[in-house]
Amino acid sequence: MTERKTDATSAFERALRERGAGRYVLRLYVTGLTPRSSRAIENLRAICKSHLEGRYELEVIDVRQQPELARNAQIVAVPTLIKQLPAPLRRVVGDLSDTERVLVQLDLVPAA
């Protein structure tokens, strides 16, 4: 009986880890609708659509409208993407036009 309980507990814990591991929580910090910010938003949405469909939460934060969020996240340049989950936390600065670099930083493809 104890062995069966241990197996069930292990299976449950493994399912919880796997469920959370596939979900991405992303925050993109931008400044208004500047061309660079707009490119970053478009590039990130395209990456999410092709590589994370149905497995991500994206929050776009305008640092002009919510400067306290930028301060709390220690944003020093924009646009900045922060991958909060899955761990480890990662930051990517720029308009996200280098798709390969973004995919590596999001741990979606291995580094070359």
PDB file of N, CA and C in Angstrom:
ATOM      1  N   MET A   1       0.826  -1.186   0.000  1.00  0.00           N
ATOM      2  CA  MET A   1       0.000   0.000   0.000  1.00  0.00           C
ATOM      3  C   MET A   1       0.873   1.253   0.000  1.00  0.00           C
ATOM      4  N   THR A   2       1.927   1.275   0.797  1.00  0.00           N
ATOM      5  CA  THR A   2       2.812   2.438   0.873  1.00  0.00           C
ATOM      6  C   THR A   2       3.477   2.690  -0.475  1.00  0.00           C
ATOM      7  N   GLU A   3       3.880   1.610  -1.149  1.00  0.00           N
ATOM      8  CA  GLU A   3       4.525   1.758  -2.455  1.00  0.00           C
ATOM      9  C   GLU A   3       3.567   2.391  -3.466  1.00  0.00           C
ATOM     10  N   ARG A   4       2.308   1.977  -3.466  1.00  0.00           N
ATOM     11  CA  ARG A   4       1.328   2.520  -4.388  1.00  0.00           C
ATOM     12  C   ARG A   4       1.092   4.008  -4.103  1.00  0.00           C
ATOM     13  N   LYS A   5       1.052   4.374  -2.825  1.00  0.00           N
ATOM     14  CA  LYS A   5       0.862   5.772  -2.437  1.00  0.00           C
ATOM     15  C   LYS A   5       2.054   6.618  -2.898  1.00  0.00           C
ATOM     16  N   THR A   6       3.263   6.100  -2.741  1.00  0.00           N
ATOM     17  CA  THR A   6       4.466   6.797  -3.176  1.00  0.00           C
ATOM     18  C   THR A   6       4.459   6.984  -4.685  1.00  0.00           C
ATOM     19  N   ASP A   7       4.058   5.941  -5.438  1.00  0.00           N
ATOM     20  CA  ASP A   7       3.988   6.042  -6.897  1.00  0.00           C
ATOM     21  C   ASP A   7       2.969   7.091  -7.322  1.00  0.00           C
ATOM     22  N   ALA A   8       1.817   7.128  -6.660  1.00  0.00           N
ATOM     23  CA  ALA A   8       0.784   8.108  -7.003  1.00  0.00           C
ATOM     24  C   ALA A   8       1.255   9.521  -6.702  1.00  0.00           C
ATOM     25  N   THR A   9       1.928   9.693  -5.575  1.00  0.00           N
ATOM     26  CA  THR A   9       2.448  11.010  -5.204  1.00  0.00           C
ATOM     27  C   THR A   9       3.496  11.458  -6.213  1.00  0.00           C
ATOM     28  N   SER A  10       4.387  10.572  -6.590  1.00  0.00           N
ATOM     29  CA  SER A  10       5.418  10.906  -7.572  1.00  0.00           C
ATOM     30  C   SER A  10       4.797  11.271  -8.914  1.00  0.00           C
ATOM     31  N   ALA A  11       3.807  10.524  -9.334  1.00  0.00           N
ATOM     32  CA  ALA A  11       3.146  10.803 -10.610  1.00  0.00           C
ATOM     33  C   ALA A  11       2.447  12.154 -10.572  1.00  0.00           C
ATOM     34  N   PHE A  12       1.797  12.458  -9.458  1.00  0.00           N
ATOM     35  CA  PHE A  12       1.113  13.740  -9.302  1.00  0.00           C
ATOM     36  C   PHE A  12       2.105  14.891  -9.342  1.00  0.00           C
ATOM     37  N   GLU A  13       3.201  14.776  -8.611  1.00  0.00           N
ATOM     38  CA  GLU A  13       4.214  15.829  -8.597  1.00  0.00           C
ATOM     39  C   GLU A  13       4.839  16.016  -9.978  1.00  0.00           C
ATOM     40  N   ARG A  14       5.093  14.929 -10.691  1.00  0.00           N
ATOM     41  CA  ARG A  14       5.644  15.006 -12.038  1.00  0.00           C
ATOM     42  C   ARG A  14       4.672  15.711 -12.978  1.00  0.00           C
ATOM     43  N   ALA A  15       3.374  15.408 -12.885  1.00  0.00           N
ATOM     44  CA  ALA A  15       2.358  16.047 -13.727  1.00  0.00           C
ATOM     45  C   ALA A  15       2.285  17.546 -13.451  1.00  0.00           C
ATOM     46  N   LEU A  16       2.402  17.943 -12.197  1.00  0.00           N
ATOM     47  CA  LEU A  16       2.399  19.363 -11.855  1.00  0.00           C
ATOM     48  C   LEU A  16       3.601  20.082 -12.463  1.00  0.00           C
ATOM     49  N   ARG A  17       4.763  19.473 -12.376  1.00  0.00           N
ATOM     50  CA  ARG A  17       5.975  20.082 -12.952  1.00  0.00           C
ATOM     51  C   ARG A  17       5.846  20.222 -14.456  1.00  0.00           C
ATOM     52  N   GLU A  18       5.365  19.166 -15.116  1.00  0.00           N
ATOM     53  CA  GLU A  18       5.237  19.184 -16.571  1.00  0.00           C
ATOM     54  C   GLU A  18       4.204  20.206 -17.023  1.00  0.00           C
ATOM     55  N   ARG A  19       3.115  20.320 -16.283  1.00  0.00           N
ATOM     56  CA  ARG A  19       2.079  21.278 -16.641  1.00  0.00           C
ATOM     57  C   ARG A  19       2.606  22.706 -16.555  1.00  0.00           C
ATOM     58  N   GLY A  20       3.346  23.021 -15.511  1.00  0.00           N
ATOM     59  CA  GLY A  20       3.894  24.353 -15.337  1.00  0.00           C
ATOM     60  C   GLY A  20       5.061  24.635 -16.260  1.00  0.00           C
ATOM     61  N   ALA A  21       5.822  23.632 -16.616  1.00  0.00           N
ATOM     62  CA  ALA A  21       7.022  23.818 -17.427  1.00  0.00           C
ATOM     63  C   ALA A  21       6.688  24.256 -18.837  1.00  0.00           C
ATOM     64  N   GLY A  22       5.545  23.870 -19.347  1.00  0.00           N
ATOM     65  CA  GLY A  22       5.190  24.214 -20.704  1.00  0.00           C
ATOM     66  C   GLY A  22       4.589  25.600 -20.847  1.00  0.00           C
ATOM     67  N   ARG A  23       4.267  26.257 -19.757  1.00  0.00           N
ATOM     68  CA  ARG A  23       3.597  27.565 -19.768  1.00  0.00           C
ATOM     69  C   ARG A  23       4.631  28.671 -19.656  1.00  0.00           C
ATOM     70  N   TYR A  24       4.555  29.640 -20.545  1.00  0.00           N
ATOM     71  CA  TYR A  24       5.477  30.770 -20.544  1.00  0.00           C
ATOM     72  C   TYR A  24       4.750  32.026 -20.069  1.00  0.00           C
ATOM     73  N   VAL A  25       5.375  32.758 -19.170  1.00  0.00           N
ATOM     74  CA  VAL A  25       4.858  34.046 -18.717  1.00  0.00           C
ATOM     75  C   VAL A  25       5.869  35.090 -19.152  1.00  0.00           C
ATOM     76  N   LEU A  26       5.418  35.981 -20.044  1.00  0.00           N
ATOM     77  CA  LEU A  26       6.299  36.964 -20.663  1.00  0.00           C
ATOM     78  C   LEU A  26       5.792  38.370 -20.387  1.00  0.00           C
ATOM     79  N   ARG A  27       6.725  39.284 -20.146  1.00  0.00           N
ATOM     80  CA  ARG A  27       6.408  40.705 -20.004  1.00  0.00           C
ATOM     81  C   ARG A  27       7.293  41.482 -20.958  1.00  0.00           C
ATOM     82  N   LEU A  28       6.665  42.307 -21.776  1.00  0.00           N
ATOM     83  CA  LEU A  28       7.399  43.143 -22.720  1.00  0.00           C
ATOM     84  C   LEU A  28       7.214  44.597 -22.317  1.00  0.00           C
ATOM     85  N   TYR A  29       8.315  45.256 -21.996  1.00  0.00           N
ATOM     86  CA  TYR A  29       8.306  46.660 -21.603  1.00  0.00           C
ATOM     87  C   TYR A  29       8.638  47.510 -22.820  1.00  0.00           C
ATOM     88  N   VAL A  30       7.763  48.464 -23.134  1.00  0.00           N
ATOM     89  CA  VAL A  30       7.924  49.334 -24.299  1.00  0.00           C
ATOM     90  C   VAL A  30       7.666  50.782 -23.886  1.00  0.00           C
ATOM     91  N   THR A  31       7.970  51.716 -24.804  1.00  0.00           N
ATOM     92  CA  THR A  31       7.638  53.127 -24.594  1.00  0.00           C
ATOM     93  C   THR A  31       6.664  53.571 -25.662  1.00  0.00           C
ATOM     94  N   GLY A  32       5.397  53.558 -25.339  1.00  0.00           N
ATOM     95  CA  GLY A  32       4.377  54.026 -26.269  1.00  0.00           C
ATOM     96  C   GLY A  32       4.341  53.211 -27.543  1.00  0.00           C
ATOM     97  N   LEU A  33       3.897  53.866 -28.605  1.00  0.00           N
ATOM     98  CA  LEU A  33       3.788  53.190 -29.899  1.00  0.00           C
ATOM     99  C   LEU A  33       4.861  53.680 -30.855  1.00  0.00           C
ATOM    100  N   THR A  34       6.079  53.767 -30.374  1.00  0.00           N
ATOM    101  CA  THR A  34       7.201  54.135 -31.225  1.00  0.00           C
ATOM    102  C   THR A  34       7.433  53.022 -32.242  1.00  0.00           C
ATOM    103  N   PRO A  35       8.094  53.331 -33.353  1.00  0.00           N
ATOM    104  CA  PRO A  35       8.364  52.275 -34.337  1.00  0.00           C
ATOM    105  C   PRO A  35       9.112  51.084 -33.736  1.00  0.00           C
ATOM    106  N   ARG A  36      10.089  51.344 -32.877  1.00  0.00           N
ATOM    107  CA  ARG A  36      10.862  50.262 -32.260  1.00  0.00           C
ATOM    108  C   ARG A  36       9.980  49.409 -31.337  1.00  0.00           C
ATOM    109  N   SER A  37       9.131  50.045 -30.556  1.00  0.00           N
ATOM    110  CA  SER A  37       8.215  49.316 -29.675  1.00  0.00           C
ATOM    111  C   SER A  37       7.227  48.492 -30.489  1.00  0.00           C
ATOM    112  N   SER A  38       6.684  49.089 -31.549  1.00  0.00           N
ATOM    113  CA  SER A  38       5.729  48.373 -32.404  1.00  0.00           C
ATOM    114  C   SER A  38       6.374  47.148 -33.052  1.00  0.00           C
ATOM    115  N   ARG A  39       7.632  47.298 -33.509  1.00  0.00           N
ATOM    116  CA  ARG A  39       8.362  46.149 -34.093  1.00  0.00           C
ATOM    117  C   ARG A  39       8.550  45.050 -33.055  1.00  0.00           C
ATOM    118  N   ALA A  40       8.908  45.434 -31.833  1.00  0.00           N
ATOM    119  CA  ALA A  40       9.120  44.438 -30.776  1.00  0.00           C
ATOM    120  C   ALA A  40       7.833  43.670 -30.496  1.00  0.00           C
ATOM    121  N   ILE A  41       6.721  44.380 -30.427  1.00  0.00           N
ATOM    122  CA  ILE A  41       5.431  43.729 -30.173  1.00  0.00           C
ATOM    123  C   ILE A  41       5.090  42.777 -31.315  1.00  0.00           C
ATOM    124  N   GLU A  42       5.226  43.234 -32.547  1.00  0.00           N
ATOM    125  CA  GLU A  42       4.931  42.391 -33.711  1.00  0.00           C
ATOM    126  C   GLU A  42       5.845  41.167 -33.757  1.00  0.00           C
ATOM    127  N   ASN A  43       7.138  41.381 -33.537  1.00  0.00           N
ATOM    128  CA  ASN A  43       8.095  40.267 -33.579  1.00  0.00           C
ATOM    129  C   ASN A  43       7.792  39.241 -32.495  1.00  0.00           C
ATOM    130  N   LEU A  44       7.492  39.712 -31.285  1.00  0.00           N
ATOM    131  CA  LEU A  44       7.207  38.783 -30.196  1.00  0.00           C
ATOM    132  C   LEU A  44       5.910  38.017 -30.446  1.00  0.00           C
ATOM    133  N   ARG A  45       4.905  38.693 -30.931  1.00  0.00           N
ATOM    134  CA  ARG A  45       3.644  37.997 -31.225  1.00  0.00           C
ATOM    135  C   ARG A  45       3.842  36.923 -32.287  1.00  0.00           C
ATOM    136  N   ALA A  46       4.663  37.214 -33.293  1.00  0.00           N
ATOM    137  CA  ALA A  46       4.939  36.220 -34.335  1.00  0.00           C
ATOM    138  C   ALA A  46       5.681  35.021 -33.753  1.00  0.00           C
ATOM    139  N   ILE A  47       6.651  35.270 -32.887  1.00  0.00           N
ATOM    140  CA  ILE A  47       7.402  34.181 -32.242  1.00  0.00           C
ATOM    141  C   ILE A  47       6.462  33.344 -31.383  1.00  0.00           C
ATOM    142  N   CYS A  48       5.623  33.999 -30.606  1.00  0.00           N
ATOM    143  CA  CYS A  48       4.694  33.270 -29.736  1.00  0.00           C
ATOM    144  C   CYS A  48       3.707  32.443 -30.560  1.00  0.00           C
ATOM    145  N   LYS A  49       3.227  33.015 -31.650  1.00  0.00           N
ATOM    146  CA  LYS A  49       2.265  32.292 -32.483  1.00  0.00           C
ATOM    147  C   LYS A  49       2.887  31.040 -33.096  1.00  0.00           C
ATOM    148  N   SER A  50       4.127  31.148 -33.536  1.00  0.00           N
ATOM    149  CA  SER A  50       4.730  30.002 -34.215  1.00  0.00           C
ATOM    150  C   SER A  50       5.401  29.007 -33.270  1.00  0.00           C
ATOM    151  N   HIS A  51       5.783  29.425 -32.064  1.00  0.00           N
ATOM    152  CA  HIS A  51       6.526  28.519 -31.176  1.00  0.00           C
ATOM    153  C   HIS A  51       5.850  28.243 -29.831  1.00  0.00           C
ATOM    154  N   LEU A  52       4.882  29.059 -29.440  1.00  0.00           N
ATOM    155  CA  LEU A  52       4.273  28.899 -28.115  1.00  0.00           C
ATOM    156  C   LEU A  52       2.747  28.894 -28.150  1.00  0.00           C
ATOM    157  N   GLU A  53       2.162  28.654 -29.282  1.00  0.00           N
ATOM    158  CA  GLU A  53       0.710  28.731 -29.432  1.00  0.00           C
ATOM    159  C   GLU A  53      -0.015  28.034 -28.287  1.00  0.00           C
ATOM    160  N   GLY A  54      -0.853  28.792 -27.584  1.00  0.00           N
ATOM    161  CA  GLY A  54      -1.653  28.241 -26.495  1.00  0.00           C
ATOM    162  C   GLY A  54      -0.898  27.968 -25.206  1.00  0.00           C
ATOM    163  N   ARG A  55       0.396  28.326 -25.153  1.00  0.00           N
ATOM    164  CA  ARG A  55       1.201  28.004 -23.967  1.00  0.00           C
ATOM    165  C   ARG A  55       1.844  29.238 -23.348  1.00  0.00           C
ATOM    166  N   TYR A  56       1.281  30.426 -23.583  1.00  0.00           N
ATOM    167  CA  TYR A  56       1.942  31.610 -23.061  1.00  0.00           C
ATOM    168  C   TYR A  56       0.942  32.662 -22.596  1.00  0.00           C
ATOM    169  N   GLU A  57       1.426  33.496 -21.683  1.00  0.00           N
ATOM    170  CA  GLU A  57       0.729  34.699 -21.252  1.00  0.00           C
ATOM    171  C   GLU A  57       1.663  35.848 -21.566  1.00  0.00           C
ATOM    172  N   LEU A  58       1.153  36.860 -22.256  1.00  0.00           N
ATOM    173  CA  LEU A  58       1.968  38.006 -22.631  1.00  0.00           C
ATOM    174  C   LEU A  58       1.328  39.267 -22.081  1.00  0.00           C
ATOM    175  N   GLU A  59       2.132  40.048 -21.378  1.00  0.00           N
ATOM    176  CA  GLU A  59       1.695  41.342 -20.886  1.00  0.00           C
ATOM    177  C   GLU A  59       2.624  42.396 -21.481  1.00  0.00           C
ATOM    178  N   VAL A  60       2.043  43.365 -22.183  1.00  0.00           N
ATOM    179  CA  VAL A  60       2.815  44.473 -22.740  1.00  0.00           C
ATOM    180  C   VAL A  60       2.624  45.659 -21.809  1.00  0.00           C
ATOM    181  N   ILE A  61       3.741  46.205 -21.337  1.00  0.00           N
ATOM    182  CA  ILE A  61       3.714  47.285 -20.357  1.00  0.00           C
ATOM    183  C   ILE A  61       4.356  48.526 -20.959  1.00  0.00           C
ATOM    184  N   ASP A  62       3.591  49.603 -21.022  1.00  0.00           N
ATOM    185  CA  ASP A  62       4.101  50.892 -21.489  1.00  0.00           C
ATOM    186  C   ASP A  62       4.728  51.588 -20.281  1.00  0.00           C
ATOM    187  N   VAL A  63       6.024  51.786 -20.330  1.00  0.00           N
ATOM    188  CA  VAL A  63       6.727  52.360 -19.172  1.00  0.00           C
ATOM    189  C   VAL A  63       6.345  53.819 -18.934  1.00  0.00           C
ATOM    190  N   ARG A  64       5.783  54.490 -19.931  1.00  0.00           N
ATOM    191  CA  ARG A  64       5.307  55.861 -19.723  1.00  0.00           C
ATOM    192  C   ARG A  64       4.036  55.871 -18.889  1.00  0.00           C
ATOM    193  N   GLN A  65       3.202  54.870 -19.081  1.00  0.00           N
ATOM    194  CA  GLN A  65       1.936  54.794 -18.349  1.00  0.00           C
ATOM    195  C   GLN A  65       2.087  54.111 -16.997  1.00  0.00           C
ATOM    196  N   GLN A  66       3.053  53.206 -16.875  1.00  0.00           N
ATOM    197  CA  GLN A  66       3.243  52.458 -15.627  1.00  0.00           C
ATOM    198  C   GLN A  66       4.722  52.449 -15.242  1.00  0.00           C
ATOM    199  N   PRO A  67       5.277  53.621 -14.925  1.00  0.00           N
ATOM    200  CA  PRO A  67       6.708  53.687 -14.614  1.00  0.00           C
ATOM    201  C   PRO A  67       7.105  52.887 -13.373  1.00  0.00           C
ATOM    202  N   GLU A  68       6.178  52.707 -12.442  1.00  0.00           N
ATOM    203  CA  GLU A  68       6.502  51.951 -11.230  1.00  0.00           C
ATOM    204  C   GLU A  68       6.781  50.481 -11.542  1.00  0.00           C
ATOM    205  N   LEU A  69       6.082  49.918 -12.527  1.00  0.00           N
ATOM    206  CA  LEU A  69       6.350  48.526 -12.920  1.00  0.00           C
ATOM    207  C   LEU A  69       7.734  48.393 -13.539  1.00  0.00           C
ATOM    208  N   ALA A  70       8.127  49.393 -14.329  1.00  0.00           N
ATOM    209  CA  ALA A  70       9.466  49.383 -14.931  1.00  0.00           C
ATOM    210  C   ALA A  70      10.530  49.521 -13.855  1.00  0.00           C
ATOM    211  N   ARG A  71      10.283  50.380 -12.897  1.00  0.00           N
ATOM    212  CA  ARG A  71      11.235  50.554 -11.788  1.00  0.00           C
ATOM    213  C   ARG A  71      11.386  49.258 -10.996  1.00  0.00           C
ATOM    214  N   ASN A  72      10.257  48.647 -10.666  1.00  0.00           N
ATOM    215  CA  ASN A  72      10.292  47.404  -9.879  1.00  0.00           C
ATOM    216  C   ASN A  72      11.008  46.274 -10.618  1.00  0.00           C
ATOM    217  N   ALA A  73      10.894  46.265 -11.941  1.00  0.00           N
ATOM    218  CA  ALA A  73      11.550  45.227 -12.748  1.00  0.00           C
ATOM    219  C   ALA A  73      12.972  45.612 -13.137  1.00  0.00           C
ATOM    220  N   GLN A  74      13.413  46.786 -12.694  1.00  0.00           N
ATOM    221  CA  GLN A  74      14.759  47.296 -12.971  1.00  0.00           C
ATOM    222  C   GLN A  74      15.028  47.381 -14.473  1.00  0.00           C
ATOM    223  N   ILE A  75      14.086  47.952 -15.199  1.00  0.00           N
ATOM    224  CA  ILE A  75      14.211  48.145 -16.643  1.00  0.00           C
ATOM    225  C   ILE A  75      15.067  49.386 -16.890  1.00  0.00           C
ATOM    226  N   VAL A  76      16.148  49.217 -17.635  1.00  0.00           N
ATOM    227  CA  VAL A  76      17.042  50.339 -17.936  1.00  0.00           C
ATOM    228  C   VAL A  76      17.039  50.687 -19.422  1.00  0.00           C
ATOM    229  N   ALA A  77      16.491  49.825 -20.256  1.00  0.00           N
ATOM    230  CA  ALA A  77      16.400  50.069 -21.696  1.00  0.00           C
ATOM    231  C   ALA A  77      15.101  49.449 -22.197  1.00  0.00           C
ATOM    232  N   VAL A  78      14.544  50.053 -23.223  1.00  0.00           N
ATOM    233  CA  VAL A  78      13.325  49.509 -23.806  1.00  0.00           C
ATOM    234  C   VAL A  78      13.476  49.440 -25.317  1.00  0.00           C
ATOM    235  N   PRO A  79      12.829  48.512 -25.959  1.00  0.00           N
ATOM    236  CA  PRO A  79      12.008  47.450 -25.388  1.00  0.00           C
ATOM    237  C   PRO A  79      12.850  46.374 -24.694  1.00  0.00           C
ATOM    238  N   THR A  80      12.287  45.836 -23.626  1.00  0.00           N
ATOM    239  CA  THR A  80      12.901  44.728 -22.894  1.00  0.00           C
ATOM    240  C   THR A  80      11.850  43.653 -22.675  1.00  0.00           C
ATOM    241  N   LEU A  81      12.200  42.428 -23.030  1.00  0.00           N
ATOM    242  CA  LEU A  81      11.350  41.269 -22.787  1.00  0.00           C
ATOM    243  C   LEU A  81      11.885  40.532 -21.572  1.00  0.00           C
ATOM    244  N   ILE A  82      11.000  40.206 -20.649  1.00  0.00           N
ATOM    245  CA  ILE A  82      11.379  39.393 -19.497  1.00  0.00           C
ATOM    246  C   ILE A  82      10.565  38.104 -19.536  1.00  0.00           C
ATOM    247  N   LYS A  83      11.278  36.984 -19.545  1.00  0.00           N
ATOM    248  CA  LYS A  83      10.632  35.664 -19.428  1.00  0.00           C
ATOM    249  C   LYS A  83      10.638  35.333 -17.948  1.00  0.00           C
ATOM    250  N   GLN A  84       9.458  35.377 -17.327  1.00  0.00           N
ATOM    251  CA  GLN A  84       9.366  35.087 -15.903  1.00  0.00           C
ATOM    252  C   GLN A  84       9.257  33.591 -15.629  1.00  0.00           C
ATOM    253  N   LEU A  85       8.503  32.897 -16.448  1.00  0.00           N
ATOM    254  CA  LEU A  85       8.349  31.454 -16.316  1.00  0.00           C
ATOM    255  C   LEU A  85       8.436  30.838 -17.696  1.00  0.00           C
ATOM    256  N   PRO A  86       8.924  29.651 -17.817  1.00  0.00           N
ATOM    257  CA  PRO A  86       9.550  28.835 -16.789  1.00  0.00           C
ATOM    258  C   PRO A  86      10.937  29.375 -16.429  1.00  0.00           C
ATOM    259  N   ALA A  87      11.370  29.006 -15.243  1.00  0.00           N
ATOM    260  CA  ALA A  87      12.685  29.429 -14.762  1.00  0.00           C
ATOM    261  C   ALA A  87      13.761  28.878 -15.681  1.00  0.00           C
ATOM    262  N   PRO A  88      14.879  29.529 -15.817  1.00  0.00           N
ATOM    263  CA  PRO A  88      15.301  30.743 -15.125  1.00  0.00           C
ATOM    264  C   PRO A  88      14.765  31.993 -15.812  1.00  0.00           C
ATOM    265  N   LEU A  89      14.674  33.083 -15.047  1.00  0.00           N
ATOM    266  CA  LEU A  89      14.268  34.367 -15.576  1.00  0.00           C
ATOM    267  C   LEU A  89      15.278  34.813 -16.617  1.00  0.00           C
ATOM    268  N   ARG A  90      14.787  35.340 -17.736  1.00  0.00           N
ATOM    269  CA  ARG A  90      15.674  35.815 -18.807  1.00  0.00           C
ATOM    270  C   ARG A  90      15.219  37.183 -19.265  1.00  0.00           C
ATOM    271  N   ARG A  91      16.174  37.996 -19.749  1.00  0.00           N
ATOM    272  CA  ARG A  91      15.891  39.321 -20.311  1.00  0.00           C
ATOM    273  C   ARG A  91      16.470  39.396 -21.718  1.00  0.00           C
ATOM    274  N   VAL A  92      15.692  39.998 -22.601  1.00  0.00           N
ATOM    275  CA  VAL A  92      16.153  40.242 -23.967  1.00  0.00           C
ATOM    276  C   VAL A  92      15.838  41.704 -24.263  1.00  0.00           C
ATOM    277  N   VAL A  93      16.863  42.463 -24.629  1.00  0.00           N
ATOM    278  CA  VAL A  93      16.699  43.886 -24.924  1.00  0.00           C
ATOM    279  C   VAL A  93      16.758  44.083 -26.432  1.00  0.00           C
ATOM    280  N   GLY A  94      15.881  44.927 -26.945  1.00  0.00           N
ATOM    281  CA  GLY A  94      15.881  45.245 -28.368  1.00  0.00           C
ATOM    282  C   GLY A  94      14.532  44.982 -29.001  1.00  0.00           C
ATOM    283  N   ASP A  95      14.461  45.131 -30.316  1.00  0.00           N
ATOM    284  CA  ASP A  95      13.180  44.993 -31.016  1.00  0.00           C
ATOM    285  C   ASP A  95      12.820  43.542 -31.333  1.00  0.00           C
ATOM    286  N   LEU A  96      13.625  42.603 -30.861  1.00  0.00           N
ATOM    287  CA  LEU A  96      13.357  41.164 -30.981  1.00  0.00           C
ATOM    288  C   LEU A  96      13.349  40.687 -32.433  1.00  0.00           C
ATOM    289  N   SER A  97      14.050  41.403 -33.297  1.00  0.00           N
ATOM    290  CA  SER A  97      14.091  41.022 -34.708  1.00  0.00           C
ATOM    291  C   SER A  97      15.030  39.852 -34.971  1.00  0.00           C
ATOM    292  N   ASP A  98      15.962  39.576 -34.063  1.00  0.00           N
ATOM    293  CA  ASP A  98      16.849  38.421 -34.197  1.00  0.00           C
ATOM    294  C   ASP A  98      16.142  37.210 -33.581  1.00  0.00           C
ATOM    295  N   THR A  99      15.299  36.589 -34.382  1.00  0.00           N
ATOM    296  CA  THR A  99      14.437  35.505 -33.897  1.00  0.00           C
ATOM    297  C   THR A  99      15.233  34.381 -33.250  1.00  0.00           C
ATOM    298  N   GLU A 100      16.337  33.992 -33.841  1.00  0.00           N
ATOM    299  CA  GLU A 100      17.149  32.895 -33.298  1.00  0.00           C
ATOM    300  C   GLU A 100      17.642  33.230 -31.892  1.00  0.00           C
ATOM    301  N   ARG A 101      18.107  34.454 -31.699  1.00  0.00           N
ATOM    302  CA  ARG A 101      18.579  34.892 -30.371  1.00  0.00           C
ATOM    303  C   ARG A 101      17.447  34.861 -29.345  1.00  0.00           C
ATOM    304  N   VAL A 102      16.272  35.316 -29.745  1.00  0.00           N
ATOM    305  CA  VAL A 102      15.120  35.315 -28.843  1.00  0.00           C
ATOM    306  C   VAL A 102      14.735  33.880 -28.485  1.00  0.00           C
ATOM    307  N   LEU A 103      14.719  32.988 -29.464  1.00  0.00           N
ATOM    308  CA  LEU A 103      14.372  31.588 -29.204  1.00  0.00           C
ATOM    309  C   LEU A 103      15.358  30.939 -28.237  1.00  0.00           C
ATOM    310  N   VAL A 104      16.644  31.261 -28.373  1.00  0.00           N
ATOM    311  CA  VAL A 104      17.657  30.725 -27.452  1.00  0.00           C
ATOM    312  C   VAL A 104      17.418  31.278 -26.048  1.00  0.00           C
ATOM    313  N   GLN A 105      17.162  32.582 -25.942  1.00  0.00           N
ATOM    314  CA  GLN A 105      16.937  33.189 -24.634  1.00  0.00           C
ATOM    315  C   GLN A 105      15.673  32.670 -23.953  1.00  0.00           C
ATOM    316  N   LEU A 106      14.684  32.298 -24.745  1.00  0.00           N
ATOM    317  CA  LEU A 106      13.449  31.733 -24.184  1.00  0.00           C
ATOM    318  C   LEU A 106      13.575  30.226 -23.927  1.00  0.00           C
ATOM    319  N   ASP A 107      14.736  29.668 -24.228  1.00  0.00           N
ATOM    320  CA  ASP A 107      14.989  28.229 -24.072  1.00  0.00           C
ATOM    321  C   ASP A 107      14.093  27.385 -24.968  1.00  0.00           C
ATOM    322  N   LEU A 108      13.753  27.922 -26.139  1.00  0.00           N
ATOM    323  CA  LEU A 108      12.942  27.162 -27.091  1.00  0.00           C
ATOM    324  C   LEU A 108      13.795  26.384 -28.072  1.00  0.00           C
ATOM    325  N   VAL A 109      15.031  26.812 -28.262  1.00  0.00           N
ATOM    326  CA  VAL A 109      16.004  26.070 -29.064  1.00  0.00           C
ATOM    327  C   VAL A 109      17.331  26.113 -28.320  1.00  0.00           C
ATOM    328  N   PRO A 110      18.136  25.076 -28.456  1.00  0.00           N
ATOM    329  CA  PRO A 110      19.448  25.080 -27.775  1.00  0.00           C
ATOM    330  C   PRO A 110      20.402  26.082 -28.418  1.00  0.00           C
ATOM    331  N   ALA A 111      21.301  26.619 -27.611  1.00  0.00           N
ATOM    332  CA  ALA A 111      22.319  27.538 -28.124  1.00  0.00           C
ATOM    333  C   ALA A 111      23.252  26.769 -29.057  1.00  0.00           C
ATOM    334  N   ALA A 112      23.712  27.466 -30.086  1.00  0.00           N
ATOM    335  CA  ALA A 112      24.590  26.822 -31.070  1.00  0.00           C
ATOM    336  C   ALA A 112      25.964  26.539 -30.498  1.00  0.00           C
TER     337      ALA A 112
END
